[in-house]
Amino acid sequence: MRGFAKALLGLAAAGASMGAPAQVVSIRPVPSVEASANVSYVGDTNSAFSTDGIPGSALATAAVGPGGSAFSLPVIGPVNDESSATARALVPGTVGSRSIAGGFSPSAGPGGATEASSFARQVTDWQVVSNDASVTTADIDVLAFFDGTLATLDFAGAPMSASVHAEMNVYSAAGMMNVFTADATLSDPLGLSGSANWIGDFSYSAPSFAAQVATVNYNDFFEDAFTVTVGETFAWEVILSTTATVAGPFEILAGADFLNTGSGGLSVNSPGLTLVQVSAVPEPPIWLAMLLGLPLLYRRRISGA
């Protein structure tokens, strides 16, 4: 996964039956939070990246363009004459992503890439403990919550789009399994489209005076979403990203605002089982450095005595 060191978990082969969530052999990502933002405005670009451990917070914000007030996107509100992107990831807490592209340059006309994208990710380690030695496996429930807005504003008849992607994965000794993936895109002139498991939850307003908007407040509970071995440490990954693209900054804007709340909560409801979050453990190279440093520290203390 991008920007993260990895820890080897296991290489057990796992095949998913037809209709079951995809599961592949993988390595377990290190617990951490990550945020990135990338923007372009008629050839000018900017980017930002942030990462932190657990518990921790990551915030990335990038903007490029003339700035100054432009228009107001439906539901999203006032935006500037620029491309901007913000991503955040917190543990404990949620993930968020916001991307706005476009602007107001009536003398320039359409032309020149004007895009924004942002990406937020959190990875946490968990373990199920049991007071009954005969219980060896546990079913994990997932509560998914994502809310936000896709909007476009087109006074020039140019193509544009705003999209959102949400994803949740588990990394266990059996491999990586995708528990949830959902996508939605609002484009001009095609309107709203997306994955079947999510698109029905959006409220869509057809184009009205050059504007269209789609909002979602998605909240769903997945009982027994996946199974883990009692006592095994597994990683839980939540990803939220948005993108916005317009033909150029000529009285056209596209925005995807999901900065408020994105989360995938875990729980276990079987009697005698408890789900606990596991503290991050230093990587082997870090342990090695610590062990090599101890003799040096000891000698310094002896020589300074």
Protein backbone atom coordinates (compact mmCIF):
# COMPACT_ATOMS: atom_id res chain seq x y z
CA MET A 1 0.00 0.00 0.00
CA ARG A 2 1.24 3.51 -0.80
CA GLY A 3 3.48 5.25 1.70
CA PHE A 4 3.57 2.46 4.23
CA ALA A 5 6.10 -0.11 5.41
CA LYS A 6 4.73 -3.65 5.54
CA ALA A 7 4.99 -6.51 8.02
CA LEU A 8 4.81 -10.08 6.80
CA LEU A 9 1.78 -11.83 8.25
CA GLY A 10 1.51 -15.19 6.47
CA LEU A 11 1.42 -16.77 3.07
CA ALA A 12 -1.59 -19.08 3.33
CA ALA A 13 -3.34 -19.40 -0.02
CA ALA A 14 -6.99 -18.50 -0.04
CA GLY A 15 -9.48 -18.76 -2.89
CA ALA A 16 -12.83 -17.00 -2.82
CA SER A 17 -15.88 -18.87 -4.04
CA MET A 18 -18.08 -17.22 -6.62
CA GLY A 19 -20.11 -14.44 -5.05
CA ALA A 20 -17.93 -14.31 -1.91
CA PRO A 21 -15.72 -11.31 -1.08
CA ALA A 22 -12.39 -11.34 -2.90
CA GLN A 23 -9.56 -12.78 -0.80
CA VAL A 24 -5.89 -12.92 -1.79
CA VAL A 25 -2.58 -13.74 -0.18
CA SER A 26 -1.08 -10.53 1.17
CA ILE A 27 1.07 -8.92 3.80
CA ARG A 28 -0.35 -6.98 6.70
CA PRO A 29 0.10 -3.18 6.54
CA VAL A 30 1.55 -1.39 9.55
CA PRO A 31 -0.99 0.49 11.74
CA SER A 32 -0.95 4.13 10.65
CA VAL A 33 -2.91 7.01 9.16
CA GLU A 34 -2.27 8.64 5.78
CA ALA A 35 -3.59 11.65 3.87
CA SER A 36 -2.63 13.01 0.45
CA ALA A 37 -3.88 15.82 -1.81
CA ASN A 38 -3.05 16.59 -5.46
CA VAL A 39 -4.28 19.50 -7.58
CA SER A 40 -3.69 21.07 -11.01
CA TYR A 41 -4.90 24.32 -12.57
CA VAL A 42 -4.09 24.91 -16.26
CA GLY A 43 -0.59 23.46 -16.01
CA ASP A 44 0.22 24.54 -12.46
CA THR A 45 0.31 21.78 -9.85
CA ASN A 46 0.56 21.35 -6.11
CA SER A 47 0.47 18.43 -3.69
CA ALA A 48 0.65 17.53 0.00
CA PHE A 49 1.18 14.35 2.01
CA SER A 50 0.94 13.48 5.69
CA THR A 51 1.28 10.29 7.73
CA ASP A 52 1.35 9.36 11.41
CA GLY A 53 1.34 6.35 13.70
CA ILE A 54 -1.43 4.98 15.92
CA PRO A 55 -2.92 6.81 17.71
CA GLY A 56 -2.37 9.77 15.44
CA SER A 57 -3.67 12.19 12.85
CA ALA A 58 -2.81 13.03 9.25
CA LEU A 59 -3.96 16.14 7.38
CA ALA A 60 -3.04 17.13 3.81
CA THR A 61 -4.25 20.27 2.02
CA ALA A 62 -3.24 21.57 -1.41
CA ALA A 63 -4.51 24.40 -3.62
CA VAL A 64 -3.45 26.06 -6.88
CA GLY A 65 -4.98 28.83 -8.97
CA PRO A 66 -5.69 32.56 -8.81
CA GLY A 67 -7.79 32.26 -5.66
CA GLY A 68 -10.53 34.66 -4.76
CA SER A 69 -14.24 34.00 -4.72
CA ALA A 70 -15.74 32.16 -7.68
CA PHE A 71 -19.19 30.60 -7.27
CA SER A 72 -21.16 28.59 -4.77
CA LEU A 73 -21.56 24.88 -5.41
CA PRO A 74 -24.94 23.40 -4.43
CA VAL A 75 -24.88 22.09 -0.84
CA ILE A 76 -21.06 22.35 -0.71
CA GLY A 77 -21.15 26.16 -0.58
CA PRO A 78 -18.77 28.94 -1.71
CA VAL A 79 -15.57 27.87 -3.46
CA ASN A 80 -12.60 29.84 -4.79
CA ASP A 81 -11.24 30.30 -8.30
CA GLU A 82 -8.80 27.40 -7.91
CA SER A 83 -8.40 23.66 -7.57
CA SER A 84 -8.23 22.52 -3.97
CA ALA A 85 -8.07 19.22 -2.10
CA THR A 86 -8.09 18.20 1.56
CA ALA A 87 -7.78 14.78 3.17
CA ARG A 88 -7.69 13.78 6.82
CA ALA A 89 -7.35 10.56 8.79
CA LEU A 90 -7.61 10.16 12.56
CA VAL A 91 -7.23 7.24 15.00
CA PRO A 92 -9.23 7.29 17.11
CA GLY A 93 -11.61 9.00 14.74
CA THR A 94 -12.70 8.98 11.11
CA VAL A 95 -11.42 9.65 7.59
CA GLY A 96 -12.47 12.47 5.26
CA SER A 97 -11.82 13.63 1.68
CA ARG A 98 -12.72 16.80 -0.27
CA SER A 99 -11.80 17.73 -3.87
CA ILE A 100 -12.87 20.85 -5.79
CA ALA A 101 -11.86 21.71 -9.38
CA GLY A 102 -12.75 24.58 -11.69
CA GLY A 103 -12.88 28.32 -11.54
CA PHE A 104 -14.06 31.56 -13.08
CA SER A 105 -11.96 32.90 -15.96
CA PRO A 106 -14.39 34.09 -18.66
CA SER A 107 -11.62 35.52 -20.88
CA ALA A 108 -9.68 32.25 -20.99
CA GLY A 109 -12.27 29.78 -22.21
CA PRO A 110 -12.16 26.03 -21.60
CA GLY A 111 -8.81 24.33 -21.86
CA GLY A 112 -6.05 23.13 -19.61
CA ALA A 113 -6.26 20.37 -17.04
CA THR A 114 -8.05 21.49 -13.90
CA GLU A 115 -8.25 18.60 -11.45
CA ALA A 116 -8.22 17.77 -7.76
CA SER A 117 -7.93 14.51 -5.84
CA SER A 118 -7.56 13.55 -2.19
CA PHE A 119 -6.97 10.26 -0.41
CA ALA A 120 -7.42 9.27 3.26
CA ARG A 121 -6.53 5.95 4.87
CA GLN A 122 -6.39 4.44 8.33
CA VAL A 123 -5.00 1.04 9.33
CA THR A 124 -5.51 -0.39 12.81
CA ASP A 125 -4.58 -3.72 14.39
CA TRP A 126 -7.15 -5.80 16.28
CA GLN A 127 -7.43 -9.08 18.14
CA VAL A 128 -10.26 -11.18 19.51
CA VAL A 129 -9.74 -12.73 22.96
CA SER A 130 -11.90 -15.46 24.49
CA ASN A 131 -12.54 -16.77 27.99
CA ASP A 132 -13.29 -20.19 26.51
CA ALA A 133 -10.29 -22.11 25.13
CA SER A 134 -12.56 -24.23 22.95
CA VAL A 135 -13.62 -21.20 20.88
CA THR A 136 -11.09 -20.77 18.08
CA THR A 137 -12.80 -18.44 15.58
CA ALA A 138 -14.83 -15.25 15.76
CA ASP A 139 -17.25 -13.52 13.36
CA ILE A 140 -16.71 -9.77 13.07
CA ASP A 141 -19.51 -7.27 12.42
CA VAL A 142 -18.91 -4.02 10.51
CA LEU A 143 -20.78 -0.71 10.75
CA ALA A 144 -20.11 1.48 7.69
CA PHE A 145 -20.87 5.20 7.64
CA PHE A 146 -20.08 7.61 4.80
CA ASP A 147 -21.82 10.91 4.08
CA GLY A 148 -21.13 13.68 1.60
CA THR A 149 -22.02 15.56 -1.57
CA LEU A 150 -21.18 15.47 -5.26
CA ALA A 151 -21.97 18.65 -7.22
CA THR A 152 -21.31 20.29 -10.59
CA LEU A 153 -21.94 23.79 -11.92
CA ASP A 154 -21.66 24.32 -15.67
CA PHE A 155 -22.13 27.69 -17.39
CA ALA A 156 -19.94 26.77 -20.39
CA GLY A 157 -21.27 23.42 -21.59
CA ALA A 158 -17.98 21.69 -20.89
CA PRO A 159 -17.50 18.13 -19.57
CA MET A 160 -16.83 17.65 -15.87
CA SER A 161 -17.17 15.09 -13.10
CA ALA A 162 -16.96 14.58 -9.34
CA SER A 163 -16.53 11.15 -7.78
CA VAL A 164 -16.07 9.32 -4.48
CA HIS A 165 -14.59 5.93 -3.60
CA ALA A 166 -14.96 4.10 -0.26
CA GLU A 167 -13.25 0.84 0.65
CA MET A 168 -12.77 -1.44 3.67
CA ASN A 169 -10.37 -4.40 3.81
CA VAL A 170 -9.24 -6.93 6.38
CA TYR A 171 -5.75 -8.47 6.46
CA SER A 172 -5.52 -11.76 8.34
CA ALA A 173 -3.48 -14.96 8.22
CA ALA A 174 -5.84 -16.14 5.46
CA GLY A 175 -4.90 -13.17 3.29
CA MET A 176 -6.53 -9.86 2.32
CA MET A 177 -10.30 -9.76 1.93
CA ASN A 178 -12.28 -6.84 0.58
CA VAL A 179 -15.28 -6.34 2.86
CA PHE A 180 -16.79 -3.27 1.20
CA THR A 181 -16.17 -1.21 -1.94
CA ALA A 182 -18.44 1.52 -3.28
CA ASP A 183 -18.13 4.18 -5.98
CA ALA A 184 -20.26 7.05 -7.24
CA THR A 185 -19.71 9.64 -9.97
CA LEU A 186 -21.67 12.75 -10.88
CA SER A 187 -20.84 13.97 -14.37
CA ASP A 188 -22.07 16.52 -16.85
CA PRO A 189 -23.74 15.54 -19.14
CA LEU A 190 -24.23 11.91 -17.95
CA GLY A 191 -25.67 12.53 -14.49
CA LEU A 192 -25.25 10.15 -11.54
CA SER A 193 -23.76 6.66 -11.81
CA GLY A 194 -22.08 4.23 -9.42
CA SER A 195 -21.87 0.78 -7.89
CA ALA A 196 -25.13 -1.04 -7.28
CA ASN A 197 -24.51 -1.40 -3.53
CA TRP A 198 -24.38 2.38 -3.03
CA ILE A 199 -26.08 4.30 -5.82
CA GLY A 200 -29.57 3.71 -4.42
CA ASP A 201 -28.63 5.55 -1.22
CA PHE A 202 -27.91 8.81 -3.06
CA SER A 203 -30.44 11.60 -3.37
CA TYR A 204 -30.03 13.12 -6.84
CA SER A 205 -31.21 16.45 -8.16
CA ALA A 206 -31.29 16.66 -11.96
CA PRO A 207 -29.60 19.64 -13.67
CA SER A 208 -31.29 22.91 -12.83
CA PHE A 209 -29.89 26.22 -14.09
CA ALA A 210 -26.54 24.59 -14.89
CA ALA A 211 -26.30 22.86 -11.50
CA GLN A 212 -26.78 19.27 -10.34
CA VAL A 213 -26.16 17.67 -6.97
CA ALA A 214 -26.17 14.22 -5.33
CA THR A 215 -25.98 13.67 -1.59
CA VAL A 216 -25.64 10.52 0.49
CA ASN A 217 -25.89 9.59 4.15
CA TYR A 218 -24.88 5.94 4.02
CA ASN A 219 -25.17 3.89 7.20
CA ASP A 220 -25.19 0.10 6.97
CA PHE A 221 -24.48 -2.81 9.31
CA PHE A 222 -22.81 -5.97 8.00
CA GLU A 223 -23.36 -8.86 10.38
CA ASP A 224 -20.64 -11.54 10.37
CA ALA A 225 -18.77 -9.67 7.64
CA PHE A 226 -15.63 -11.78 8.06
CA THR A 227 -14.11 -14.43 10.33
CA VAL A 228 -10.79 -14.37 12.19
CA THR A 229 -8.90 -16.75 14.45
CA VAL A 230 -9.13 -16.02 18.18
CA GLY A 231 -5.82 -14.59 19.41
CA GLU A 232 -4.66 -13.66 15.90
CA THR A 233 -3.74 -10.04 15.17
CA PHE A 234 -5.47 -8.76 12.04
CA ALA A 235 -5.34 -5.38 10.32
CA TRP A 236 -8.41 -3.32 9.44
CA GLU A 237 -8.14 -0.75 6.63
CA VAL A 238 -10.57 2.07 5.79
CA ILE A 239 -10.04 4.15 2.63
CA LEU A 240 -11.93 7.21 1.39
CA SER A 241 -10.96 9.21 -1.71
CA THR A 242 -12.51 11.85 -3.95
CA THR A 243 -11.72 13.36 -7.35
CA ALA A 244 -12.98 16.33 -9.35
CA THR A 245 -12.15 17.11 -13.00
CA VAL A 246 -13.24 19.88 -15.36
CA ALA A 247 -12.20 20.83 -18.90
CA GLY A 248 -10.84 24.19 -17.73
CA PRO A 249 -11.51 27.08 -15.34
CA PHE A 250 -14.19 28.74 -17.47
CA GLU A 251 -17.23 29.28 -15.27
CA ILE A 252 -17.37 25.57 -14.51
CA LEU A 253 -16.93 23.78 -11.19
CA ALA A 254 -17.04 20.22 -9.88
CA GLY A 255 -16.79 19.16 -6.27
CA ALA A 256 -16.82 16.04 -4.08
CA ASP A 257 -17.10 16.86 -0.38
CA PHE A 258 -16.86 13.85 1.95
CA LEU A 259 -14.67 15.57 4.53
CA ASN A 260 -17.15 15.22 7.38
CA THR A 261 -17.35 11.52 8.32
CA GLY A 262 -16.13 8.23 6.93
CA SER A 263 -15.81 5.22 9.20
CA GLY A 264 -15.93 1.46 9.42
CA GLY A 265 -16.51 0.33 12.99
CA LEU A 266 -15.85 -3.24 14.16
CA SER A 267 -17.66 -5.30 16.79
CA VAL A 268 -18.12 -8.88 17.99
CA ASN A 269 -21.34 -10.06 19.62
CA SER A 270 -20.64 -13.68 20.52
CA PRO A 271 -20.75 -14.48 24.27
CA GLY A 272 -17.32 -14.78 25.88
CA LEU A 273 -15.52 -12.94 23.08
CA THR A 274 -13.95 -9.48 23.32
CA LEU A 275 -12.55 -7.37 20.47
CA VAL A 276 -9.54 -5.23 21.44
CA GLN A 277 -7.37 -2.83 19.49
CA VAL A 278 -3.71 -3.84 19.55
CA SER A 279 -0.96 -1.27 20.09
CA ALA A 280 1.49 -0.83 17.25
CA VAL A 281 4.75 -2.79 17.56
CA PRO A 282 8.02 -1.36 16.13
CA GLU A 283 9.18 -2.86 12.86
CA PRO A 284 12.11 -5.37 12.98
CA PRO A 285 14.63 -2.75 11.73
CA ILE A 286 13.54 -0.47 14.60
CA TRP A 287 13.97 -3.27 17.14
CA LEU A 288 17.41 -3.98 15.70
CA ALA A 289 18.45 -0.35 15.98
CA MET A 290 17.23 -0.26 19.58
CA LEU A 291 19.16 -3.42 20.47
CA LEU A 292 22.34 -2.18 18.79
CA GLY A 293 22.04 1.12 20.60
CA LEU A 294 21.78 -0.34 24.09
CA PRO A 295 25.47 -1.37 24.39
CA LEU A 296 26.56 2.07 23.17
CA LEU A 297 24.31 3.75 25.71
CA TYR A 298 25.66 1.48 28.46
CA ARG A 299 29.28 2.25 27.56
CA ARG A 300 28.56 6.00 27.52
CA ARG A 301 27.05 5.79 30.96
CA ILE A 302 30.09 3.82 32.26
CA SER A 303 32.59 6.26 30.71
CA GLY A 304 30.68 9.22 32.08
CA ALA A 305 30.55 7.80 35.59
